[in-house]
Amino acid sequence: MSPALNIPDFINTKFSGMLIPDSYSYDLSHLTPIDRLPVELLIDIFVACARDLDGSPFAPLVLSHVCRSWRDIIFSCPRIWQFLSLSDTRPHTSTDYQSLLWLQYSKLLPLDVRIEVTDVDRLLPLLISLFPHLHRWRRWHLTGKVTEDVDFTSFSKDGSRAILDDIQITMRGAGELQDMDINEGPHRYPVFAATQSYVKSLHMVSVRLDVLTLPPSFSMSAIRLRNLTISESTMEVVSDPVRMLEFLRFCPSLQTFHYYGFPQEPPSYPEPPLRPPIVSLPHLRVLLVRSTCAVRIILSHISAPFLNELYLEHTNMEFEPDIAPYPYDEEDGDSDDENHDFSQSPWSDHATGMGLRSLIKRCNPPLVVLAMDYADMRTKDFEWCFDRMGSLREFRIVASDMSDKVITMLAPFREVVIPSPSSSHYPYAEDGDASGSDSESSGSYPSPTDIFSPPSAMIPDPSALLRVRMPRLTSLQLWNCQRLSGDAIVHALRSRTRHTDQVVAEGRKEQWCLKIEEIAVIGCSDFYPRHAVDLGATLGNRLRLN
């Protein structure tokens, strides 16, 4: 074992060759009092200045201009940059630059974020550059128009990492926001909340904001989040679909978007607005649009090539707005419906149908679920869409004015031929079930061709195979569809069920389709018990009546 090291001898040996002038050995009188402080103590003083809420929000920058040695210390010590203070009274470019500077020099240390807002509409633009760094937030302090103080470490007691997952924006009227400020109106939710993720190392952070309007595009930059909800809480809010589409441009990672509006006229523009750009949402899977006159503008300007679920709710309007809600050129399909079927909401039927057509033509999304709750289309829109939704598995419609012609489209059909040089082919509904027989019925139900007979020049092609629209459809729900007759429902759905059951059982690849798993007929006034008995004989427990 080596002998114990003699520290004084070690120091003398190690530094024996160094010449240290006597005048600098112990005499610090040539230095100013502040320069005599150890660097560690200077750093503590600088940190205290940066932490002071009543001090300058630019304390590190101010101190760095005192002398070169202080500047070197400040820009090399991340602790001094852990306290970020922003205000909406400064230009947007200034606060953005400050955020980036503090994020850079604080390295990976935790951050205390303090924001002063005089206008709630400006809070989101201030936060955008900080969202990617939520996992570093240690404390959040909001002052001014809204006050909030949150200890972010309480969100991750197990040390999990924070990820922005959801933003919920509620647009309120000026009076409602004022009531909230004096605690007389609706309860104001905290801006930040957290939920545990299914991944143990992560926890999801949601943001709730009450605003007067959405932020303008010049104050925005890209936001990485999965879920976005925009709601209008009162008729006092004037919907601006163009501004909302511009906002969506900055959310390219969205997977779910919910919009809850109010059925009111769009804003009156001084001049016809420029057509908004197409918003690309390549990751969008779920889209819900509720209670708005702008359904066509929204659907016509979104590109969502992987959209799986589309929910259209309460878009039926009995009135036509005085202001043109779609002030652009006419498109293919804008002409009047040649079927002239009855509708209580012809204007909104037209808008919904054209919006859905535009969405399908643009990106042909692989829709699996289409739910229309108090949302309707024209007969020709249903036909156009049914012919192109080959991936649809679930179709649910509530309170529709659809006619028997629409339900007939779900029955098996053969192509028909118009004797002409071009030999055009058209779908032609087949009478009866898959084998052409309807003899098991206890009543006499008209075939689809009785309901809507093609011109005499159109004849079924006997060589054509029976096919069905939407071959993957497994669930169909009809709620309160008062214009549908029970006879048409029975004929179309029984023949489809028999056909799909037989094709699946025999494994006919050339007529590939899926079996019906559930049919619900609820609240349809012309669907009587005898219809339920006849349809139930084919469907069995796959038929739901309540």
Protein backbone atom coordinates (compact mmCIF):
# COMPACT_ATOMS: atom_id res chain seq x y z
CA MET A 1 0.00 0.00 0.00
CA SER A 2 1.35 3.42 -0.97
CA PRO A 3 2.03 5.88 1.86
CA ALA A 4 -0.55 8.57 2.63
CA LEU A 5 -0.34 11.61 0.35
CA ASN A 6 1.01 14.74 2.04
CA ILE A 7 -1.26 17.51 0.68
CA PRO A 8 1.10 20.49 1.27
CA ASP A 9 4.01 18.65 -0.31
CA PHE A 10 1.78 17.66 -3.27
CA ILE A 11 0.76 21.27 -3.87
CA ASN A 12 4.30 22.56 -3.59
CA THR A 13 5.56 19.93 -6.03
CA LYS A 14 2.69 20.48 -8.52
CA PHE A 15 2.91 24.27 -8.68
CA SER A 16 6.59 24.82 -7.87
CA GLY A 17 7.29 26.07 -11.37
CA MET A 18 4.56 28.75 -11.34
CA LEU A 19 5.54 32.34 -10.60
CA ILE A 20 2.85 34.20 -8.68
CA PRO A 21 3.73 37.87 -8.03
CA ASP A 22 3.56 38.82 -4.40
CA SER A 23 1.39 41.83 -5.24
CA TYR A 24 -1.41 39.53 -6.43
CA SER A 25 -1.10 36.81 -3.85
CA TYR A 26 -3.38 38.24 -1.21
CA ASP A 27 -3.83 41.90 -2.03
CA LEU A 28 -7.18 42.57 -3.80
CA SER A 29 -7.11 46.31 -3.21
CA HIS A 30 -6.61 46.94 -6.93
CA LEU A 31 -10.08 45.46 -7.62
CA THR A 32 -13.42 47.19 -7.16
CA PRO A 33 -15.49 45.85 -4.27
CA ILE A 34 -17.93 44.00 -6.56
CA ASP A 35 -15.07 42.37 -8.46
CA ARG A 36 -13.71 40.93 -5.24
CA LEU A 37 -16.77 38.68 -4.88
CA PRO A 38 -16.35 35.05 -5.87
CA VAL A 39 -18.02 34.09 -9.18
CA GLU A 40 -20.39 31.72 -7.38
CA LEU A 41 -21.71 34.57 -5.24
CA LEU A 42 -22.10 36.82 -8.29
CA ILE A 43 -24.17 34.12 -9.97
CA ASP A 44 -26.47 33.89 -6.93
CA ILE A 45 -26.97 37.67 -7.06
CA PHE A 46 -27.76 37.54 -10.79
CA VAL A 47 -30.24 34.70 -10.27
CA ALA A 48 -31.99 36.70 -7.52
CA CYS A 49 -32.29 39.69 -9.88
CA ALA A 50 -33.73 37.50 -12.67
CA ARG A 51 -36.19 35.85 -10.28
CA ASP A 52 -37.54 39.17 -8.93
CA LEU A 53 -41.11 39.50 -10.24
CA ASP A 54 -41.05 43.27 -9.68
CA GLY A 55 -37.78 43.72 -11.51
CA SER A 56 -36.98 44.03 -15.17
CA PRO A 57 -38.07 41.11 -17.39
CA PHE A 58 -34.76 41.60 -19.20
CA ALA A 59 -32.54 41.42 -16.11
CA PRO A 60 -29.97 39.03 -17.62
CA LEU A 61 -29.57 41.24 -20.69
CA VAL A 62 -29.33 44.44 -18.64
CA LEU A 63 -26.67 42.95 -16.32
CA SER A 64 -24.68 41.58 -19.27
CA HIS A 65 -24.09 45.12 -20.51
CA VAL A 66 -22.25 46.22 -17.32
CA CYS A 67 -18.86 44.77 -18.22
CA ARG A 68 -17.25 42.01 -20.22
CA SER A 69 -16.62 39.75 -17.22
CA TRP A 70 -20.28 39.90 -16.17
CA ARG A 71 -21.33 39.24 -19.74
CA ASP A 72 -19.14 36.14 -19.87
CA ILE A 73 -20.58 34.89 -16.57
CA ILE A 74 -24.20 35.52 -17.54
CA PHE A 75 -24.07 33.89 -20.97
CA SER A 76 -22.24 30.86 -19.61
CA CYS A 77 -24.56 30.19 -16.66
CA PRO A 78 -27.97 28.61 -17.54
CA ARG A 79 -29.35 29.21 -14.01
CA ILE A 80 -29.68 32.94 -14.70
CA TRP A 81 -31.98 32.27 -17.70
CA GLN A 82 -34.51 30.06 -15.89
CA PHE A 83 -37.01 32.91 -15.36
CA LEU A 84 -38.93 34.05 -18.43
CA SER A 85 -41.29 37.03 -18.15
CA LEU A 86 -43.47 38.09 -21.12
CA SER A 87 -46.11 40.76 -21.67
CA ASP A 88 -48.68 41.22 -24.43
CA THR A 89 -48.04 44.98 -24.40
CA ARG A 90 -44.85 44.42 -26.40
CA PRO A 91 -44.74 43.57 -30.13
CA HIS A 92 -45.19 39.94 -31.02
CA THR A 93 -41.77 39.73 -32.69
CA SER A 94 -40.11 41.03 -29.52
CA THR A 95 -41.69 38.45 -27.22
CA ASP A 96 -40.92 35.67 -29.69
CA TYR A 97 -37.25 36.66 -29.80
CA GLN A 98 -37.08 36.88 -26.02
CA SER A 99 -38.59 33.41 -25.64
CA LEU A 100 -36.11 31.88 -28.07
CA LEU A 101 -33.18 33.62 -26.36
CA TRP A 102 -34.17 32.43 -22.87
CA LEU A 103 -34.82 28.89 -24.14
CA GLN A 104 -31.40 28.79 -25.76
CA TYR A 105 -29.33 30.03 -22.83
CA SER A 106 -31.20 28.16 -20.11
CA LYS A 107 -30.03 24.96 -21.81
CA LEU A 108 -32.14 22.08 -20.43
CA LEU A 109 -32.84 23.50 -16.98
CA PRO A 110 -36.43 23.89 -15.67
CA LEU A 111 -38.24 27.13 -16.50
CA ASP A 112 -40.45 29.50 -14.53
CA VAL A 113 -42.81 31.21 -16.98
CA ARG A 114 -44.58 34.45 -16.09
CA ILE A 115 -46.97 36.15 -18.54
CA GLU A 116 -48.88 39.39 -18.11
CA VAL A 117 -51.95 39.76 -20.36
CA THR A 118 -54.16 42.79 -20.86
CA ASP A 119 -56.08 41.08 -23.68
CA VAL A 120 -57.02 37.39 -23.42
CA ASP A 121 -56.94 37.06 -27.23
CA ARG A 122 -53.16 37.58 -27.14
CA LEU A 123 -52.36 34.81 -24.69
CA LEU A 124 -52.21 31.96 -27.20
CA PRO A 125 -49.68 33.68 -29.53
CA LEU A 126 -47.43 34.27 -26.50
CA LEU A 127 -47.56 30.59 -25.57
CA ILE A 128 -47.01 29.02 -28.97
CA SER A 129 -43.20 29.20 -28.98
CA LEU A 130 -43.14 27.72 -25.46
CA PHE A 131 -45.43 24.73 -26.08
CA PRO A 132 -42.66 22.43 -27.40
CA HIS A 133 -40.81 22.97 -24.10
CA LEU A 134 -43.65 22.18 -21.68
CA HIS A 135 -41.61 19.31 -20.26
CA ARG A 136 -39.20 21.92 -18.86
CA TRP A 137 -41.83 24.12 -17.19
CA ARG A 138 -41.42 24.32 -13.43
CA ARG A 139 -43.91 27.04 -12.59
CA TRP A 140 -46.56 28.99 -14.51
CA HIS A 141 -47.68 32.43 -13.31
CA LEU A 142 -50.36 34.41 -15.18
CA THR A 143 -51.22 37.99 -14.22
CA GLY A 144 -53.25 40.86 -15.60
CA LYS A 145 -56.68 40.21 -17.15
CA VAL A 146 -56.58 36.62 -15.86
CA THR A 147 -54.63 35.32 -12.87
CA GLU A 148 -53.33 31.81 -12.36
CA ASP A 149 -50.44 30.21 -10.53
CA VAL A 150 -49.61 26.56 -11.26
CA ASP A 151 -46.83 24.35 -9.99
CA PHE A 152 -46.06 22.19 -13.03
CA THR A 153 -44.06 19.73 -10.99
CA SER A 154 -47.34 18.62 -9.38
CA PHE A 155 -48.44 17.31 -12.81
CA SER A 156 -45.60 14.79 -12.88
CA LYS A 157 -45.02 13.44 -9.40
CA ASP A 158 -43.55 10.31 -10.94
CA GLY A 159 -41.18 12.33 -13.12
CA SER A 160 -43.17 11.84 -16.34
CA ARG A 161 -42.62 14.17 -19.28
CA ALA A 162 -45.26 16.79 -20.21
CA ILE A 163 -46.64 16.77 -23.77
CA LEU A 164 -49.20 19.22 -25.20
CA ASP A 165 -52.18 17.09 -26.22
CA ASP A 166 -55.31 19.20 -26.38
CA ILE A 167 -56.36 22.83 -26.87
CA GLN A 168 -59.93 23.91 -26.17
CA ILE A 169 -60.82 27.40 -27.35
CA THR A 170 -64.17 28.93 -26.37
CA MET A 171 -65.16 32.08 -28.20
CA ARG A 172 -67.34 34.23 -25.97
CA GLY A 173 -69.07 37.56 -26.33
CA ALA A 174 -67.55 40.71 -24.86
CA GLY A 175 -70.26 40.89 -22.18
CA GLU A 176 -69.72 37.28 -21.18
CA LEU A 177 -65.97 37.76 -20.85
CA GLN A 178 -66.54 40.84 -18.72
CA ASP A 179 -68.88 38.89 -16.43
CA MET A 180 -66.22 36.19 -16.06
CA ASP A 181 -63.65 38.81 -15.08
CA ILE A 182 -65.82 40.03 -12.19
CA ASN A 183 -66.80 36.47 -11.19
CA GLU A 184 -70.47 36.96 -12.06
CA GLY A 185 -70.59 34.89 -15.22
CA PRO A 186 -69.56 31.34 -16.21
CA HIS A 187 -66.85 29.64 -14.23
CA ARG A 188 -63.41 30.16 -15.74
CA TYR A 189 -61.43 26.96 -16.02
CA PRO A 190 -57.69 26.95 -15.39
CA VAL A 191 -55.61 27.49 -18.49
CA PHE A 192 -53.50 24.39 -17.90
CA ALA A 193 -54.57 20.95 -16.74
CA ALA A 194 -52.93 17.54 -16.97
CA THR A 195 -54.06 13.94 -17.44
CA GLN A 196 -52.04 10.79 -17.22
CA SER A 197 -51.09 9.12 -20.48
CA TYR A 198 -51.24 5.41 -21.19
CA VAL A 199 -47.47 5.76 -21.57
CA LYS A 200 -46.09 5.92 -18.03
CA SER A 201 -43.22 8.19 -18.96
CA LEU A 202 -45.60 10.87 -20.32
CA HIS A 203 -48.47 12.99 -19.07
CA MET A 204 -50.74 14.97 -21.35
CA VAL A 205 -51.29 18.70 -20.86
CA SER A 206 -54.49 20.39 -22.04
CA VAL A 207 -55.00 24.12 -22.55
CA ARG A 208 -58.34 25.93 -22.13
CA LEU A 209 -58.75 29.48 -23.40
CA ASP A 210 -61.68 31.90 -23.37
CA VAL A 211 -61.30 34.43 -26.16
CA LEU A 212 -63.25 37.00 -28.13
CA THR A 213 -61.82 35.97 -31.51
CA LEU A 214 -59.24 33.58 -32.87
CA PRO A 215 -55.74 35.08 -33.20
CA PRO A 216 -54.83 36.53 -36.61
CA SER A 217 -52.48 34.55 -38.81
CA PHE A 218 -49.60 37.06 -38.54
CA SER A 219 -49.30 36.30 -34.81
CA MET A 220 -49.31 32.52 -35.26
CA SER A 221 -46.74 29.83 -35.84
CA ALA A 222 -47.04 26.06 -36.07
CA ILE A 223 -48.50 24.23 -33.05
CA ARG A 224 -47.83 20.57 -32.50
CA LEU A 225 -50.91 19.02 -30.88
CA ARG A 226 -53.30 16.12 -31.43
CA ASN A 227 -56.72 17.45 -30.42
CA LEU A 228 -58.38 20.82 -31.02
CA THR A 229 -61.86 21.99 -30.00
CA ILE A 230 -63.28 25.37 -31.02
CA SER A 231 -66.63 26.34 -29.50
CA GLU A 232 -68.91 29.35 -29.72
CA SER A 233 -70.72 29.92 -26.45
CA THR A 234 -73.26 32.57 -27.44
CA MET A 235 -75.11 34.11 -30.38
CA GLU A 236 -73.12 37.26 -29.67
CA VAL A 237 -70.12 35.59 -31.32
CA VAL A 238 -70.03 36.14 -35.10
CA SER A 239 -68.62 33.06 -36.80
CA ASP A 240 -65.78 33.66 -39.24
CA PRO A 241 -65.06 30.35 -41.02
CA VAL A 242 -62.31 31.88 -43.14
CA ARG A 243 -60.37 32.96 -40.04
CA MET A 244 -60.89 29.53 -38.50
CA LEU A 245 -59.47 27.84 -41.60
CA GLU A 246 -56.45 30.16 -41.44
CA PHE A 247 -55.99 29.12 -37.81
CA LEU A 248 -56.13 25.42 -38.76
CA ARG A 249 -53.23 25.93 -41.16
CA PHE A 250 -50.98 26.19 -38.11
CA CYS A 251 -52.12 22.83 -36.68
CA PRO A 252 -50.76 20.32 -39.23
CA SER A 253 -50.44 17.51 -36.66
CA LEU A 254 -54.12 17.48 -35.70
CA GLN A 255 -55.74 14.08 -35.30
CA THR A 256 -59.11 15.22 -33.92
CA PHE A 257 -60.94 18.49 -34.62
CA HIS A 258 -64.30 19.43 -33.08
CA TYR A 259 -66.12 22.62 -34.01
CA TYR A 260 -69.28 23.67 -32.14
CA GLY A 261 -70.85 26.77 -33.63
CA PHE A 262 -74.16 28.59 -33.66
CA PRO A 263 -76.62 28.57 -36.58
CA GLN A 264 -76.27 32.18 -37.53
CA GLU A 265 -75.36 34.14 -40.60
CA PRO A 266 -71.67 34.56 -41.45
CA PRO A 267 -69.98 37.96 -41.10
CA SER A 268 -70.67 40.67 -43.65
CA TYR A 269 -67.43 41.37 -45.50
CA PRO A 270 -66.88 44.85 -47.04
CA GLU A 271 -65.83 43.08 -50.23
CA PRO A 272 -66.21 39.44 -51.31
CA PRO A 273 -63.54 37.58 -49.33
CA LEU A 274 -60.73 35.83 -51.09
CA ARG A 275 -61.20 32.11 -51.26
CA PRO A 276 -59.33 30.61 -48.32
CA PRO A 277 -56.45 28.26 -49.06
CA ILE A 278 -56.90 24.53 -48.77
CA VAL A 279 -55.88 23.45 -45.27
CA SER A 280 -53.77 20.30 -45.31
CA LEU A 281 -54.39 18.09 -42.26
CA PRO A 282 -52.54 14.89 -43.18
CA HIS A 283 -53.00 13.27 -39.76
CA LEU A 284 -56.66 14.14 -39.15
CA ARG A 285 -58.71 11.08 -38.19
CA VAL A 286 -61.87 12.54 -36.58
CA LEU A 287 -63.81 15.63 -37.69
CA LEU A 288 -66.97 16.95 -35.99
CA VAL A 289 -68.87 19.98 -37.26
CA ARG A 290 -71.94 21.10 -35.31
CA SER A 291 -74.48 23.92 -35.55
CA THR A 292 -73.06 26.15 -38.24
CA CYS A 293 -74.04 27.73 -41.53
CA ALA A 294 -70.45 27.34 -42.71
CA VAL A 295 -70.41 23.56 -43.16
CA ARG A 296 -69.76 23.89 -46.90
CA ILE A 297 -66.86 26.32 -46.51
CA ILE A 298 -65.25 24.09 -43.87
CA LEU A 299 -65.60 20.80 -45.75
CA SER A 300 -64.67 22.38 -49.09
CA HIS A 301 -61.34 23.71 -47.84
CA ILE A 302 -59.94 20.82 -45.82
CA SER A 303 -57.70 18.10 -47.19
CA ALA A 304 -57.70 15.11 -44.85
CA PRO A 305 -56.55 12.01 -46.79
CA PHE A 306 -56.72 9.77 -43.70
CA LEU A 307 -60.02 10.95 -42.24
CA ASN A 308 -61.85 7.97 -40.70
CA GLU A 309 -64.77 9.48 -38.81
CA LEU A 310 -66.98 12.39 -39.90
CA TYR A 311 -69.75 13.73 -37.64
CA LEU A 312 -72.14 16.36 -39.00
CA GLU A 313 -74.57 17.55 -36.34
CA HIS A 314 -77.40 20.09 -36.29
CA THR A 315 -76.52 21.69 -39.61
CA ASN A 316 -80.13 21.65 -40.89
CA MET A 317 -81.35 25.23 -41.29
CA GLU A 318 -84.89 26.17 -42.22
CA PHE A 319 -83.77 29.64 -43.39
CA GLU A 320 -81.43 30.82 -46.11
CA PRO A 321 -79.03 33.52 -44.89
CA ASP A 322 -79.32 36.96 -46.43
CA ILE A 323 -75.53 37.04 -46.84
CA ALA A 324 -74.11 34.51 -49.27
CA PRO A 325 -72.37 31.92 -47.07
CA TYR A 326 -70.39 30.56 -50.03
CA PRO A 327 -69.48 33.59 -52.18
CA TYR A 328 -67.47 31.62 -54.73
CA ASP A 329 -68.01 30.21 -58.21
CA GLU A 330 -70.54 27.45 -58.76
CA GLU A 331 -69.22 23.90 -58.85
CA ASP A 332 -70.29 20.67 -60.46
CA GLY A 333 -73.43 19.53 -58.62
CA ASP A 334 -74.66 22.99 -57.66
CA SER A 335 -77.65 22.66 -59.97
CA ASP A 336 -81.07 21.90 -58.50
CA ASP A 337 -81.83 18.32 -57.53
CA GLU A 338 -83.62 16.66 -60.40
CA ASN A 339 -85.50 14.40 -57.98
CA HIS A 340 -87.41 17.34 -56.43
CA ASP A 341 -87.83 15.49 -53.13
CA PHE A 342 -89.38 17.26 -50.18
CA SER A 343 -87.09 18.91 -47.61
CA GLN A 344 -87.64 21.19 -44.66
CA SER A 345 -84.11 22.56 -45.04
CA PRO A 346 -83.31 22.69 -48.77
CA TRP A 347 -80.62 25.36 -48.47
CA SER A 348 -78.57 23.56 -45.80
CA ASP A 349 -79.11 20.18 -47.56
CA HIS A 350 -77.48 21.71 -50.61
CA ALA A 351 -74.59 23.16 -48.57
CA THR A 352 -73.89 19.92 -46.67
CA GLY A 353 -74.04 17.78 -49.80
CA MET A 354 -71.73 20.04 -51.78
CA GLY A 355 -69.28 20.27 -48.90
CA LEU A 356 -69.07 16.50 -48.58
CA ARG A 357 -68.69 16.13 -52.34
CA SER A 358 -65.81 18.58 -52.34
CA LEU A 359 -64.05 16.78 -49.49
CA ILE A 360 -64.36 13.40 -51.22
CA LYS A 361 -63.25 14.75 -54.61
CA ARG A 362 -60.21 16.44 -53.13
CA CYS A 363 -58.68 13.69 -50.99
CA ASN A 364 -61.02 10.65 -51.11
CA PRO A 365 -60.71 9.97 -47.35
CA PRO A 366 -61.15 6.35 -46.20
CA LEU A 367 -64.26 7.13 -44.16
CA VAL A 368 -65.27 4.36 -41.78
CA VAL A 369 -67.96 6.26 -39.83
CA LEU A 370 -70.40 8.84 -41.20
CA ALA A 371 -72.88 10.18 -38.65
CA MET A 372 -75.46 12.79 -39.67
CA ASP A 373 -77.48 14.06 -36.72
CA TYR A 374 -80.04 16.64 -37.86
CA ALA A 375 -77.85 17.01 -40.96
CA ASP A 376 -79.18 16.17 -44.39
CA MET A 377 -78.39 16.18 -48.10
CA ARG A 378 -80.24 16.18 -51.37
CA THR A 379 -81.10 12.84 -52.99
CA LYS A 380 -78.50 13.28 -55.71
CA ASP A 381 -75.84 14.07 -53.09
CA PHE A 382 -76.60 10.83 -51.24
CA GLU A 383 -76.27 8.89 -54.48
CA TRP A 384 -73.03 10.61 -55.46
CA CYS A 385 -71.47 9.98 -52.04
CA PHE A 386 -72.73 6.40 -51.64
CA ASP A 387 -71.07 5.51 -54.96
CA ARG A 388 -67.70 6.73 -53.65
CA MET A 389 -67.60 5.65 -50.00
CA GLY A 390 -66.32 2.13 -50.48
CA SER A 391 -64.64 2.02 -47.05
CA LEU A 392 -67.68 3.09 -44.97
CA ARG A 393 -68.65 0.62 -42.23
CA GLU A 394 -71.07 2.62 -40.09
CA PHE A 395 -73.73 5.04 -41.32
CA ARG A 396 -75.98 6.78 -38.81
CA ILE A 397 -78.56 9.40 -39.74
CA VAL A 398 -81.02 11.20 -37.47
CA ALA A 399 -84.09 13.30 -38.39
CA SER A 400 -83.47 13.19 -42.13
CA ASP A 401 -86.00 14.08 -44.83
CA MET A 402 -84.48 11.45 -47.09
CA SER A 403 -86.98 9.87 -49.44
CA ASP A 404 -87.53 6.22 -50.32
CA LYS A 405 -85.20 6.75 -53.27
CA VAL A 406 -82.25 7.10 -50.87
CA ILE A 407 -82.90 3.92 -48.87
CA THR A 408 -83.40 2.12 -52.20
CA MET A 409 -79.80 2.92 -53.08
CA LEU A 410 -78.67 0.43 -50.41
CA ALA A 411 -80.33 -2.52 -52.17
CA PRO A 412 -78.35 -4.79 -54.51
CA PHE A 413 -78.31 -3.61 -58.12
CA ARG A 414 -77.17 -4.55 -61.58
CA GLU A 415 -75.75 -2.12 -64.09
CA VAL A 416 -78.13 -1.01 -66.79
CA VAL A 417 -77.33 -0.32 -70.40
CA ILE A 418 -78.65 2.55 -72.51
CA PRO A 419 -78.68 1.31 -76.11
CA SER A 420 -76.40 3.85 -77.70
CA PRO A 421 -73.06 3.97 -79.49
CA SER A 422 -71.37 4.70 -76.16
CA SER A 423 -73.11 1.77 -74.36
CA SER A 424 -73.36 3.71 -71.11
CA HIS A 425 -73.80 1.74 -67.89
CA TYR A 426 -75.83 2.86 -64.86
CA PRO A 427 -76.73 1.15 -61.61
CA TYR A 428 -80.17 -0.44 -61.65
CA ALA A 429 -81.73 -1.67 -58.43
CA GLU A 430 -82.57 -5.36 -58.47
CA ASP A 431 -86.05 -6.51 -57.52
CA GLY A 432 -86.17 -8.88 -54.60
CA ASP A 433 -83.38 -10.59 -52.71
CA ALA A 434 -80.12 -12.04 -53.93
CA SER A 435 -81.91 -14.80 -55.81
CA GLY A 436 -84.56 -12.48 -57.22
CA SER A 437 -87.32 -13.71 -54.93
CA ASP A 438 -89.34 -11.77 -52.37
CA SER A 439 -91.80 -14.54 -51.66
CA GLU A 440 -91.07 -14.83 -47.94
CA SER A 441 -92.64 -11.47 -47.23
CA SER A 442 -95.88 -11.49 -45.29
CA GLY A 443 -96.85 -8.29 -47.10
CA SER A 444 -96.51 -6.94 -50.59
CA TYR A 445 -93.62 -4.50 -50.73
CA PRO A 446 -92.76 -2.51 -53.84
CA SER A 447 -89.36 -3.14 -55.34
CA PRO A 448 -86.87 -0.32 -55.71
CA THR A 449 -87.71 -0.21 -59.41
CA ASP A 450 -91.35 0.42 -58.54
CA ILE A 451 -90.33 3.35 -56.37
CA PHE A 452 -87.97 4.89 -58.90
CA SER A 453 -88.22 3.27 -62.31
CA PRO A 454 -85.55 4.07 -64.87
CA PRO A 455 -86.51 5.21 -68.33
CA SER A 456 -87.78 2.47 -70.60
CA ALA A 457 -84.65 2.77 -72.71
CA MET A 458 -82.57 1.66 -69.67
CA ILE A 459 -82.55 -2.11 -69.31
CA PRO A 460 -80.65 -4.29 -66.80
CA ASP A 461 -77.55 -5.94 -68.15
CA PRO A 462 -78.27 -9.66 -67.58
CA SER A 463 -74.56 -10.45 -67.66
CA ALA A 464 -73.76 -7.97 -64.86
CA LEU A 465 -73.25 -9.27 -61.33
CA LEU A 466 -75.34 -8.05 -58.43
CA ARG A 467 -73.46 -5.43 -56.44
CA VAL A 468 -74.09 -3.17 -53.48
CA ARG A 469 -73.04 0.38 -52.76
CA MET A 470 -70.75 0.81 -49.75
CA PRO A 471 -69.73 -2.88 -49.74
CA ARG A 472 -68.05 -2.63 -46.32
CA LEU A 473 -71.16 -1.31 -44.57
CA THR A 474 -71.88 -3.37 -41.45
CA SER A 475 -73.94 -0.96 -39.32
CA LEU A 476 -76.89 1.19 -40.40
CA GLN A 477 -78.94 3.33 -38.02
CA LEU A 478 -82.07 5.23 -39.07
CA TRP A 479 -83.45 7.53 -36.37
CA ASN A 480 -86.62 9.59 -36.79
CA CYS A 481 -86.52 9.55 -40.59
CA GLN A 482 -90.19 10.43 -41.08
CA ARG A 483 -90.24 10.51 -44.89
CA LEU A 484 -89.17 6.89 -45.25
CA SER A 485 -91.88 4.29 -45.80
CA GLY A 486 -91.71 1.01 -43.93
CA ASP A 487 -92.19 -0.88 -47.22
CA ALA A 488 -89.09 0.70 -48.78
CA ILE A 489 -87.00 0.08 -45.66
CA VAL A 490 -87.96 -3.60 -45.57
CA HIS A 491 -87.40 -4.20 -49.24
CA ALA A 492 -84.02 -2.49 -49.50
CA LEU A 493 -82.50 -3.76 -46.26
CA ARG A 494 -83.82 -7.30 -46.47
CA SER A 495 -82.57 -7.75 -50.01
CA ARG A 496 -79.17 -6.29 -49.05
CA THR A 497 -78.88 -8.53 -45.98
CA ARG A 498 -79.71 -11.68 -47.92
CA HIS A 499 -77.31 -10.77 -50.68
CA THR A 500 -74.37 -9.94 -48.40
CA ASP A 501 -74.98 -13.03 -46.22
CA GLN A 502 -74.95 -15.24 -49.30
CA VAL A 503 -71.88 -13.64 -50.86
CA VAL A 504 -69.88 -13.97 -47.64
CA ALA A 505 -71.02 -17.55 -47.06
CA GLU A 506 -70.04 -18.59 -50.59
CA GLY A 507 -66.85 -16.52 -50.64
CA ARG A 508 -67.53 -14.82 -53.95
CA LYS A 509 -64.46 -12.69 -54.49
CA GLU A 510 -65.84 -10.95 -57.55
CA GLN A 511 -68.80 -9.67 -55.49
CA TRP A 512 -66.83 -9.01 -52.29
CA CYS A 513 -68.72 -7.31 -49.47
CA LEU A 514 -69.21 -7.56 -45.70
CA LYS A 515 -72.22 -8.91 -43.83
CA ILE A 516 -74.63 -6.60 -42.09
CA GLU A 517 -74.02 -6.79 -38.34
CA GLU A 518 -76.54 -4.24 -37.06
CA ILE A 519 -79.53 -2.34 -38.39
CA ALA A 520 -81.43 0.08 -36.16
CA VAL A 521 -84.77 1.55 -37.21
CA ILE A 522 -85.93 3.86 -34.42
CA GLY A 523 -88.67 6.46 -34.39
CA CYS A 524 -89.54 6.17 -38.10
CA SER A 525 -93.29 6.82 -38.05
CA ASP A 526 -94.16 4.71 -41.12
CA PHE A 527 -92.26 1.65 -39.91
CA TYR A 528 -94.98 -0.49 -38.31
CA PRO A 529 -94.81 -3.72 -36.29
CA ARG A 530 -95.51 -5.79 -39.41
CA HIS A 531 -92.43 -4.25 -41.02
CA ALA A 532 -90.38 -5.12 -37.95
CA VAL A 533 -91.60 -8.72 -38.12
CA ASP A 534 -90.74 -9.10 -41.80
CA LEU A 535 -87.32 -7.45 -41.50
CA GLY A 536 -86.59 -9.36 -38.28
CA ALA A 537 -87.21 -12.67 -40.05
CA THR A 538 -84.06 -12.00 -42.11
CA LEU A 539 -81.94 -10.05 -39.63
CA GLY A 540 -82.80 -11.85 -36.39
CA ASN A 541 -81.01 -10.29 -33.43
CA ARG A 542 -79.16 -7.94 -35.76
CA LEU A 543 -82.27 -5.74 -35.90
CA ARG A 544 -82.62 -3.08 -33.19
CA LEU A 545 -85.88 -1.21 -32.71
CA ASN A 546 -85.19 0.77 -29.50
